[in-house]
């Protein structure tokens, strides 16, 4: 079975922007943000709200299964998500043929993250929570693709090289 490449990142890192620049890649891509409707709901539940945290483990498990299905094609798969490796491992418990994963993180500086999230209309408490999330992820996932000061096309090219060639290249 092919290996699943997972890029994690706190809000504002550039995951959704990166996805748009990988559309013509030689590998399959998906983003956790693609399943919910524009209002954050999936099957009638606003899964993006902290009040829905009770359903997040089931949502994460769904993605483990989706990734496994995507890998059946035999080629590499890139999944963009906000999870940590531990959260992914927890979601994969009991999943038959849970995919092997290779991890990286998408990241930017905290000042840039604050600017990006403020531009989305996030309040200061939400922004600071995202900054804390970024700090946690930095300590958990070594391989980094930095988005600060780089064009999305440059970052996408580096990520594509990693997925296609499996290189441990650091960008940033």
N, C-alpha and C. Protein backbone atom coordinates (compact mmCIF):
# COMPACT_ATOMS: atom_id res chain seq x y z
N UNK A 1 0.85 -1.19 0.00
CA UNK A 1 0.00 0.00 0.00
C UNK A 1 0.89 1.24 0.00
N UNK A 2 0.50 2.24 -0.74
CA UNK A 2 1.23 3.51 -0.78
C UNK A 2 1.14 4.20 0.57
N UNK A 3 2.08 5.08 0.78
CA UNK A 3 2.10 5.82 2.04
C UNK A 3 1.25 7.07 1.94
N UNK A 4 0.59 7.36 3.02
CA UNK A 4 -0.19 8.59 3.15
C UNK A 4 0.74 9.68 3.68
N UNK A 5 0.75 10.81 3.01
CA UNK A 5 1.48 11.98 3.48
C UNK A 5 0.45 12.91 4.13
N UNK A 6 0.72 13.31 5.35
CA UNK A 6 -0.20 14.18 6.08
C UNK A 6 0.53 15.47 6.42
N UNK A 7 -0.10 16.57 6.06
CA UNK A 7 0.41 17.88 6.47
C UNK A 7 -0.57 18.45 7.47
N UNK A 8 -0.07 18.71 8.66
CA UNK A 8 -0.86 19.33 9.69
C UNK A 8 -0.47 20.80 9.78
N UNK A 9 -1.27 21.55 10.46
CA UNK A 9 -0.96 22.95 10.68
C UNK A 9 -2.10 23.62 11.41
N UNK A 10 -1.74 24.54 12.25
CA UNK A 10 -2.74 25.31 12.98
C UNK A 10 -3.46 26.25 12.02
N UNK A 11 -4.62 26.75 12.41
CA UNK A 11 -5.32 27.69 11.55
C UNK A 11 -4.42 28.85 11.12
N UNK A 12 -4.54 29.22 9.85
CA UNK A 12 -3.77 30.33 9.32
C UNK A 12 -2.44 29.93 8.70
N UNK A 13 -2.08 28.65 8.77
CA UNK A 13 -0.80 28.20 8.22
C UNK A 13 -0.79 28.26 6.70
N UNK A 14 -1.96 28.07 6.07
CA UNK A 14 -2.04 28.12 4.62
C UNK A 14 -2.45 26.81 3.98
N UNK A 15 -3.07 25.90 4.74
CA UNK A 15 -3.44 24.58 4.21
C UNK A 15 -4.42 24.70 3.05
N UNK A 16 -5.46 25.47 3.20
CA UNK A 16 -6.46 25.59 2.13
C UNK A 16 -5.87 26.29 0.90
N UNK A 17 -5.02 27.27 1.13
CA UNK A 17 -4.35 27.94 0.01
C UNK A 17 -3.45 26.96 -0.72
N UNK A 18 -2.69 26.17 0.03
CA UNK A 18 -1.81 25.17 -0.57
C UNK A 18 -2.59 24.21 -1.44
N UNK A 19 -3.73 23.76 -0.95
CA UNK A 19 -4.54 22.79 -1.69
C UNK A 19 -4.88 23.32 -3.08
N UNK A 20 -5.22 24.58 -3.19
CA UNK A 20 -5.58 25.17 -4.49
C UNK A 20 -4.40 25.12 -5.45
N UNK A 21 -3.18 25.12 -4.94
CA UNK A 21 -1.99 25.11 -5.79
C UNK A 21 -1.48 23.69 -6.07
N UNK A 22 -2.17 22.70 -5.54
CA UNK A 22 -1.78 21.30 -5.77
C UNK A 22 -2.80 20.56 -6.65
N UNK A 23 -3.76 21.27 -7.19
CA UNK A 23 -4.84 20.63 -7.96
C UNK A 23 -4.34 19.81 -9.15
N UNK A 24 -3.26 20.22 -9.78
CA UNK A 24 -2.75 19.51 -10.96
C UNK A 24 -1.59 18.57 -10.62
N UNK A 25 -1.48 18.19 -9.37
CA UNK A 25 -0.38 17.32 -8.96
C UNK A 25 -0.60 15.90 -9.44
N UNK A 26 0.45 15.12 -9.37
CA UNK A 26 0.40 13.72 -9.80
C UNK A 26 -0.15 12.80 -8.71
N UNK A 27 -0.59 13.35 -7.61
CA UNK A 27 -1.09 12.57 -6.49
C UNK A 27 -2.44 13.12 -6.05
N UNK A 28 -3.18 12.30 -5.33
CA UNK A 28 -4.49 12.70 -4.82
C UNK A 28 -4.30 13.59 -3.60
N UNK A 29 -5.15 14.61 -3.46
CA UNK A 29 -5.11 15.50 -2.30
C UNK A 29 -6.51 15.66 -1.72
N UNK A 30 -6.56 15.90 -0.43
CA UNK A 30 -7.82 16.20 0.24
C UNK A 30 -7.50 17.02 1.49
N UNK A 31 -8.48 17.78 1.93
CA UNK A 31 -8.34 18.65 3.09
C UNK A 31 -9.53 18.42 4.01
N UNK A 32 -9.29 18.33 5.30
CA UNK A 32 -10.37 18.17 6.28
C UNK A 32 -11.45 19.23 6.08
N UNK A 33 -11.08 20.42 5.62
CA UNK A 33 -12.04 21.50 5.44
C UNK A 33 -12.98 21.29 4.26
N UNK A 34 -12.73 20.26 3.43
CA UNK A 34 -13.54 20.07 2.24
C UNK A 34 -14.89 19.41 2.50
N UNK A 35 -15.03 18.61 3.54
CA UNK A 35 -16.30 17.92 3.78
C UNK A 35 -17.41 18.82 4.31
N UNK A 36 -17.16 19.68 5.27
CA UNK A 36 -18.25 20.50 5.78
C UNK A 36 -18.76 21.50 4.73
N UNK A 37 -20.03 21.83 4.84
CA UNK A 37 -20.61 22.88 4.01
C UNK A 37 -20.02 24.22 4.41
N UNK A 38 -20.32 25.25 3.65
CA UNK A 38 -19.77 26.59 3.90
C UNK A 38 -20.09 27.08 5.32
N UNK A 39 -21.20 26.64 5.89
CA UNK A 39 -21.56 27.07 7.24
C UNK A 39 -20.92 26.21 8.33
N UNK A 40 -20.05 25.28 7.93
CA UNK A 40 -19.36 24.44 8.90
C UNK A 40 -20.11 23.18 9.26
N UNK A 41 -21.25 22.93 8.62
CA UNK A 41 -22.04 21.76 8.99
C UNK A 41 -21.75 20.57 8.09
N UNK A 42 -21.91 19.41 8.69
CA UNK A 42 -21.81 18.14 7.98
C UNK A 42 -22.92 17.26 8.53
N UNK A 43 -23.81 16.85 7.65
CA UNK A 43 -24.95 16.03 8.04
C UNK A 43 -25.75 16.69 9.17
N UNK A 44 -25.89 18.01 9.07
CA UNK A 44 -26.71 18.76 10.01
C UNK A 44 -26.03 19.15 11.31
N UNK A 45 -24.74 18.84 11.45
CA UNK A 45 -24.01 19.17 12.68
C UNK A 45 -22.91 20.16 12.32
N UNK A 46 -22.85 21.27 13.07
CA UNK A 46 -21.77 22.24 12.86
C UNK A 46 -20.51 21.67 13.51
N UNK A 47 -19.74 20.93 12.72
CA UNK A 47 -18.57 20.26 13.28
C UNK A 47 -17.39 21.20 13.49
N UNK A 48 -17.49 22.43 13.01
CA UNK A 48 -16.38 23.37 13.20
C UNK A 48 -16.48 24.13 14.51
N UNK A 49 -17.59 24.02 15.18
CA UNK A 49 -17.79 24.73 16.45
C UNK A 49 -17.24 23.92 17.62
N UNK A 50 -16.61 24.59 18.58
CA UNK A 50 -16.13 23.86 19.77
C UNK A 50 -17.25 23.12 20.51
N UNK A 51 -18.49 23.54 20.33
CA UNK A 51 -19.60 22.83 20.97
C UNK A 51 -19.81 21.45 20.37
N UNK A 52 -19.21 21.20 19.22
CA UNK A 52 -19.34 19.89 18.56
C UNK A 52 -18.15 18.99 18.85
N UNK A 53 -17.33 19.33 19.83
CA UNK A 53 -16.11 18.56 20.10
C UNK A 53 -16.39 17.09 20.37
N UNK A 54 -17.58 16.75 20.82
CA UNK A 54 -17.91 15.35 21.09
C UNK A 54 -17.92 14.52 19.81
N UNK A 55 -18.18 15.13 18.65
CA UNK A 55 -18.22 14.38 17.39
C UNK A 55 -16.87 14.39 16.66
N UNK A 56 -15.92 15.17 17.12
CA UNK A 56 -14.63 15.25 16.44
C UNK A 56 -13.92 13.91 16.33
N UNK A 57 -13.90 13.07 17.37
CA UNK A 57 -13.24 11.77 17.21
C UNK A 57 -13.85 10.94 16.06
N UNK A 58 -15.16 10.97 15.92
CA UNK A 58 -15.81 10.23 14.83
C UNK A 58 -15.46 10.86 13.47
N UNK A 59 -15.37 12.17 13.41
CA UNK A 59 -14.99 12.86 12.17
C UNK A 59 -13.55 12.49 11.80
N UNK A 60 -12.67 12.48 12.77
CA UNK A 60 -11.28 12.11 12.53
C UNK A 60 -11.18 10.66 12.02
N UNK A 61 -11.95 9.78 12.63
CA UNK A 61 -11.97 8.37 12.21
C UNK A 61 -12.48 8.25 10.77
N UNK A 62 -13.48 9.04 10.43
CA UNK A 62 -13.99 9.05 9.05
C UNK A 62 -12.86 9.38 8.08
N UNK A 63 -12.02 10.37 8.43
CA UNK A 63 -10.92 10.75 7.56
C UNK A 63 -9.86 9.65 7.45
N UNK A 64 -9.62 8.91 8.52
CA UNK A 64 -8.69 7.78 8.45
C UNK A 64 -9.21 6.79 7.41
N UNK A 65 -10.50 6.53 7.44
CA UNK A 65 -11.10 5.59 6.48
C UNK A 65 -11.06 6.15 5.06
N UNK A 66 -11.38 7.44 4.90
CA UNK A 66 -11.34 8.06 3.57
C UNK A 66 -9.92 7.98 3.01
N UNK A 67 -8.92 8.28 3.82
CA UNK A 67 -7.54 8.22 3.36
C UNK A 67 -7.18 6.81 2.91
N UNK A 68 -7.61 5.82 3.65
CA UNK A 68 -7.36 4.44 3.27
C UNK A 68 -8.01 4.10 1.93
N UNK A 69 -9.22 4.59 1.71
CA UNK A 69 -9.88 4.36 0.42
C UNK A 69 -9.14 5.05 -0.71
N UNK A 70 -8.66 6.26 -0.47
CA UNK A 70 -7.92 6.99 -1.51
C UNK A 70 -6.64 6.27 -1.90
N UNK A 71 -6.02 5.61 -0.94
CA UNK A 71 -4.76 4.91 -1.20
C UNK A 71 -4.95 3.64 -2.02
N UNK A 72 -6.16 3.15 -2.12
CA UNK A 72 -6.40 1.93 -2.91
C UNK A 72 -6.02 2.11 -4.37
N UNK A 73 -5.96 3.35 -4.85
CA UNK A 73 -5.57 3.60 -6.22
C UNK A 73 -4.10 3.30 -6.48
N UNK A 74 -3.33 3.14 -5.44
CA UNK A 74 -1.94 2.76 -5.58
C UNK A 74 -0.95 3.90 -5.63
N UNK A 75 -1.43 5.11 -5.78
CA UNK A 75 -0.53 6.26 -5.83
C UNK A 75 -0.46 6.97 -4.50
N UNK A 76 0.45 7.92 -4.42
CA UNK A 76 0.56 8.68 -3.17
C UNK A 76 -0.67 9.56 -2.92
N UNK A 77 -0.92 9.82 -1.67
CA UNK A 77 -2.04 10.66 -1.25
C UNK A 77 -1.52 11.68 -0.24
N UNK A 78 -1.97 12.92 -0.40
CA UNK A 78 -1.66 13.98 0.55
C UNK A 78 -2.94 14.43 1.21
N UNK A 79 -2.96 14.42 2.53
CA UNK A 79 -4.10 14.87 3.31
C UNK A 79 -3.66 16.06 4.15
N UNK A 80 -4.44 17.13 4.09
CA UNK A 80 -4.19 18.32 4.90
C UNK A 80 -5.19 18.32 6.04
N UNK A 81 -4.68 18.47 7.27
CA UNK A 81 -5.58 18.38 8.42
C UNK A 81 -5.00 19.15 9.60
N UNK A 82 -5.82 19.42 10.61
CA UNK A 82 -5.32 20.12 11.80
C UNK A 82 -4.88 19.17 12.92
N UNK A 83 -4.88 17.87 12.68
CA UNK A 83 -4.61 16.91 13.74
C UNK A 83 -3.12 16.79 14.06
N UNK A 84 -2.85 16.32 15.26
CA UNK A 84 -1.50 15.93 15.63
C UNK A 84 -1.34 14.45 15.30
N UNK A 85 -0.11 13.97 15.20
CA UNK A 85 0.07 12.53 14.97
C UNK A 85 -0.62 11.66 16.03
N UNK A 86 -0.63 12.11 17.26
CA UNK A 86 -1.30 11.34 18.33
C UNK A 86 -2.81 11.29 18.10
N UNK A 87 -3.40 12.41 17.70
CA UNK A 87 -4.84 12.42 17.43
C UNK A 87 -5.18 11.50 16.25
N UNK A 88 -4.31 11.51 15.23
CA UNK A 88 -4.52 10.62 14.08
C UNK A 88 -4.43 9.16 14.52
N UNK A 89 -3.40 8.83 15.31
CA UNK A 89 -3.22 7.46 15.79
C UNK A 89 -4.43 7.00 16.61
N UNK A 90 -4.96 7.89 17.41
CA UNK A 90 -6.14 7.57 18.21
C UNK A 90 -7.34 7.28 17.30
N UNK A 91 -7.49 8.09 16.26
CA UNK A 91 -8.61 7.89 15.32
C UNK A 91 -8.45 6.60 14.54
N UNK A 92 -7.22 6.15 14.33
CA UNK A 92 -6.95 4.96 13.51
C UNK A 92 -7.10 3.65 14.28
N UNK A 93 -7.23 3.71 15.60
CA UNK A 93 -7.35 2.49 16.39
C UNK A 93 -8.56 1.70 15.92
N UNK A 94 -8.31 0.45 15.58
CA UNK A 94 -9.40 -0.44 15.15
C UNK A 94 -9.79 -0.32 13.68
N UNK A 95 -9.22 0.62 12.96
CA UNK A 95 -9.54 0.76 11.54
C UNK A 95 -8.72 -0.28 10.78
N UNK A 96 -9.41 -1.14 10.05
CA UNK A 96 -8.73 -2.17 9.27
C UNK A 96 -7.88 -1.50 8.20
N UNK A 97 -6.64 -1.91 8.08
CA UNK A 97 -5.72 -1.36 7.09
C UNK A 97 -5.55 0.15 7.20
N UNK A 98 -5.48 0.66 8.42
CA UNK A 98 -5.23 2.10 8.60
C UNK A 98 -3.92 2.44 7.91
N UNK A 99 -3.89 3.53 7.15
CA UNK A 99 -2.70 3.85 6.35
C UNK A 99 -1.49 4.24 7.18
N UNK A 100 -0.31 3.84 6.69
CA UNK A 100 0.95 4.33 7.25
C UNK A 100 1.05 5.80 6.88
N UNK A 101 1.63 6.60 7.74
CA UNK A 101 1.67 8.03 7.48
C UNK A 101 3.08 8.58 7.59
N UNK A 102 3.33 9.60 6.79
CA UNK A 102 4.55 10.39 6.86
C UNK A 102 4.08 11.82 7.12
N UNK A 103 4.60 12.44 8.16
CA UNK A 103 4.08 13.73 8.64
C UNK A 103 4.97 14.92 8.29
N UNK A 104 4.31 16.04 8.05
CA UNK A 104 4.97 17.33 7.93
C UNK A 104 4.00 18.37 8.48
N UNK A 105 4.51 19.55 8.68
CA UNK A 105 3.63 20.64 9.13
C UNK A 105 3.82 21.84 8.22
N UNK A 106 2.74 22.54 8.02
CA UNK A 106 2.74 23.81 7.32
C UNK A 106 2.73 24.86 8.42
N UNK A 107 3.58 25.87 8.28
CA UNK A 107 3.68 26.83 9.37
C UNK A 107 4.06 28.21 8.85
N UNK A 108 3.78 29.19 9.67
CA UNK A 108 4.19 30.56 9.41
C UNK A 108 4.51 31.17 10.77
N UNK A 109 5.12 32.34 10.77
CA UNK A 109 5.41 33.01 12.02
C UNK A 109 4.13 33.43 12.74
N UNK A 110 4.23 33.59 14.04
CA UNK A 110 3.05 33.93 14.83
C UNK A 110 2.46 35.28 14.44
N UNK A 111 3.30 36.27 14.12
CA UNK A 111 2.78 37.58 13.71
C UNK A 111 1.99 37.46 12.41
N UNK A 112 2.52 36.68 11.49
CA UNK A 112 1.81 36.49 10.22
C UNK A 112 0.51 35.73 10.44
N UNK A 113 0.52 34.73 11.30
CA UNK A 113 -0.71 33.98 11.62
C UNK A 113 -1.76 34.92 12.20
N UNK A 114 -1.33 35.79 13.11
CA UNK A 114 -2.28 36.74 13.70
C UNK A 114 -2.90 37.64 12.62
N UNK A 115 -2.08 38.10 11.70
CA UNK A 115 -2.57 38.96 10.61
C UNK A 115 -3.55 38.20 9.73
N UNK A 116 -3.19 36.98 9.34
CA UNK A 116 -4.06 36.17 8.48
C UNK A 116 -5.41 35.90 9.13
N UNK A 117 -5.40 35.53 10.40
CA UNK A 117 -6.65 35.18 11.07
C UNK A 117 -7.49 36.42 11.38
N UNK A 118 -6.85 37.52 11.69
CA UNK A 118 -7.59 38.77 11.90
C UNK A 118 -8.30 39.18 10.60
N UNK A 119 -7.64 38.95 9.47
CA UNK A 119 -8.25 39.27 8.17
C UNK A 119 -9.47 38.40 7.90
N UNK A 120 -9.53 37.23 8.52
CA UNK A 120 -10.71 36.35 8.41
C UNK A 120 -11.82 36.75 9.37
N UNK A 121 -11.54 37.72 10.23
CA UNK A 121 -12.55 38.16 11.19
C UNK A 121 -12.52 37.41 12.51
N UNK A 122 -11.45 36.69 12.78
CA UNK A 122 -11.35 35.96 14.05
C UNK A 122 -11.15 36.95 15.19
N UNK A 123 -11.75 36.66 16.35
CA UNK A 123 -11.53 37.54 17.50
C UNK A 123 -10.19 37.18 18.15
N UNK A 124 -9.73 38.04 19.04
CA UNK A 124 -8.38 37.89 19.61
C UNK A 124 -8.21 36.59 20.38
N UNK A 125 -9.25 36.12 21.07
CA UNK A 125 -9.15 34.85 21.81
C UNK A 125 -8.96 33.68 20.85
N UNK A 126 -9.69 33.68 19.74
CA UNK A 126 -9.56 32.61 18.75
C UNK A 126 -8.17 32.63 18.12
N UNK A 127 -7.68 33.82 17.83
CA UNK A 127 -6.36 33.96 17.23
C UNK A 127 -5.29 33.43 18.18
N UNK A 128 -5.36 33.80 19.43
CA UNK A 128 -4.36 33.35 20.40
C UNK A 128 -4.43 31.84 20.61
N UNK A 129 -5.61 31.26 20.53
CA UNK A 129 -5.73 29.80 20.62
C UNK A 129 -5.03 29.14 19.43
N UNK A 130 -5.16 29.72 18.24
CA UNK A 130 -4.47 29.20 17.06
C UNK A 130 -2.96 29.31 17.20
N UNK A 131 -2.49 30.41 17.79
CA UNK A 131 -1.05 30.58 18.02
C UNK A 131 -0.55 29.50 18.98
N UNK A 132 -1.33 29.20 20.02
CA UNK A 132 -0.95 28.12 20.95
C UNK A 132 -0.94 26.77 20.25
N UNK A 133 -1.93 26.54 19.38
CA UNK A 133 -1.97 25.29 18.61
C UNK A 133 -0.72 25.15 17.75
N UNK A 134 -0.31 26.25 17.12
CA UNK A 134 0.89 26.23 16.26
C UNK A 134 2.12 25.87 17.09
N UNK A 135 2.23 26.43 18.27
CA UNK A 135 3.37 26.14 19.14
C UNK A 135 3.41 24.65 19.50
N UNK A 136 2.24 24.09 19.82
CA UNK A 136 2.17 22.67 20.16
C UNK A 136 2.61 21.81 18.96
N UNK A 137 2.09 22.12 17.78
CA UNK A 137 2.40 21.32 16.59
C UNK A 137 3.89 21.40 16.26
N UNK A 138 4.50 22.56 16.46
CA UNK A 138 5.95 22.70 16.21
C UNK A 138 6.76 21.71 17.03
N UNK A 139 6.29 21.41 18.23
CA UNK A 139 6.99 20.47 19.09
C UNK A 139 6.72 19.01 18.76
N UNK A 140 5.75 18.75 17.90
CA UNK A 140 5.35 17.37 17.61
C UNK A 140 5.74 16.88 16.22
N UNK A 141 5.87 17.80 15.27
CA UNK A 141 6.14 17.41 13.88
C UNK A 141 7.36 18.19 13.41
N UNK A 142 8.43 17.47 13.14
CA UNK A 142 9.70 18.12 12.80
C UNK A 142 9.72 18.69 11.38
N UNK A 143 9.32 17.89 10.40
CA UNK A 143 9.42 18.33 9.00
C UNK A 143 8.49 19.53 8.78
N UNK A 144 9.06 20.61 8.29
CA UNK A 144 8.30 21.86 8.14
C UNK A 144 8.34 22.36 6.70
N UNK A 145 7.20 22.86 6.27
CA UNK A 145 7.10 23.64 5.03
C UNK A 145 6.61 25.02 5.46
N UNK A 146 7.50 25.99 5.41
CA UNK A 146 7.18 27.34 5.86
C UNK A 146 6.45 28.11 4.76
N UNK A 147 5.39 28.81 5.14
CA UNK A 147 4.61 29.58 4.17
C UNK A 147 4.90 31.07 4.26
N UNK A 148 5.53 31.52 5.32
CA UNK A 148 5.81 32.94 5.48
C UNK A 148 6.86 33.41 4.49
N UNK A 149 6.57 34.45 3.74
CA UNK A 149 7.53 35.03 2.82
C UNK A 149 7.76 34.21 1.56
N UNK A 150 6.94 33.22 1.32
CA UNK A 150 7.07 32.37 0.13
C UNK A 150 5.74 32.39 -0.62
N UNK A 151 5.81 32.26 -1.91
CA UNK A 151 4.57 32.20 -2.68
C UNK A 151 3.93 30.82 -2.47
N UNK A 152 2.60 30.75 -2.57
CA UNK A 152 1.95 29.45 -2.47
C UNK A 152 2.47 28.46 -3.51
N UNK A 153 2.83 28.94 -4.70
CA UNK A 153 3.36 28.05 -5.75
C UNK A 153 4.69 27.45 -5.33
N UNK A 154 5.55 28.24 -4.66
CA UNK A 154 6.83 27.72 -4.19
C UNK A 154 6.63 26.64 -3.13
N UNK A 155 5.73 26.90 -2.20
CA UNK A 155 5.46 25.93 -1.15
C UNK A 155 4.87 24.66 -1.77
N UNK A 156 3.93 24.83 -2.71
CA UNK A 156 3.31 23.68 -3.36
C UNK A 156 4.36 22.84 -4.09
N UNK A 157 5.31 23.47 -4.74
CA UNK A 157 6.36 22.73 -5.45
C UNK A 157 7.20 21.92 -4.47
N UNK A 158 7.53 22.49 -3.33
CA UNK A 158 8.31 21.78 -2.32
C UNK A 158 7.52 20.60 -1.76
N UNK A 159 6.25 20.82 -1.47
CA UNK A 159 5.40 19.75 -0.96
C UNK A 159 5.26 18.64 -2.00
N UNK A 160 5.04 19.01 -3.24
CA UNK A 160 4.92 18.01 -4.31
C UNK A 160 6.19 17.16 -4.41
N UNK A 161 7.34 17.79 -4.26
CA UNK A 161 8.60 17.05 -4.28
C UNK A 161 8.68 16.04 -3.16
N UNK A 162 8.20 16.43 -1.99
CA UNK A 162 8.18 15.52 -0.84
C UNK A 162 7.25 14.35 -1.09
N UNK A 163 6.05 14.62 -1.57
CA UNK A 163 5.07 13.55 -1.78
C UNK A 163 5.51 12.64 -2.93
N UNK A 164 5.95 13.23 -4.02
CA UNK A 164 6.37 12.43 -5.18
C UNK A 164 7.67 11.67 -4.95
N UNK A 165 8.60 12.32 -4.24
CA UNK A 165 9.91 11.70 -4.07
C UNK A 165 10.21 11.22 -2.68
N UNK A 166 9.35 11.59 -1.73
CA UNK A 166 9.57 11.17 -0.36
C UNK A 166 10.74 11.84 0.32
N UNK A 167 11.21 12.96 -0.22
CA UNK A 167 12.38 13.61 0.37
C UNK A 167 12.03 14.21 1.72
N UNK A 168 13.01 14.31 2.55
CA UNK A 168 12.83 14.92 3.87
C UNK A 168 13.18 16.38 3.85
N UNK A 169 13.12 16.97 2.69
CA UNK A 169 13.52 18.36 2.51
C UNK A 169 12.76 19.31 3.43
N UNK A 170 13.48 20.25 3.99
CA UNK A 170 12.85 21.30 4.80
C UNK A 170 12.79 22.55 3.93
N UNK A 171 11.69 23.23 4.03
CA UNK A 171 11.53 24.47 3.29
C UNK A 171 11.22 25.54 4.30
N UNK A 172 12.04 26.58 4.35
CA UNK A 172 11.69 27.62 5.30
C UNK A 172 12.79 28.34 5.88
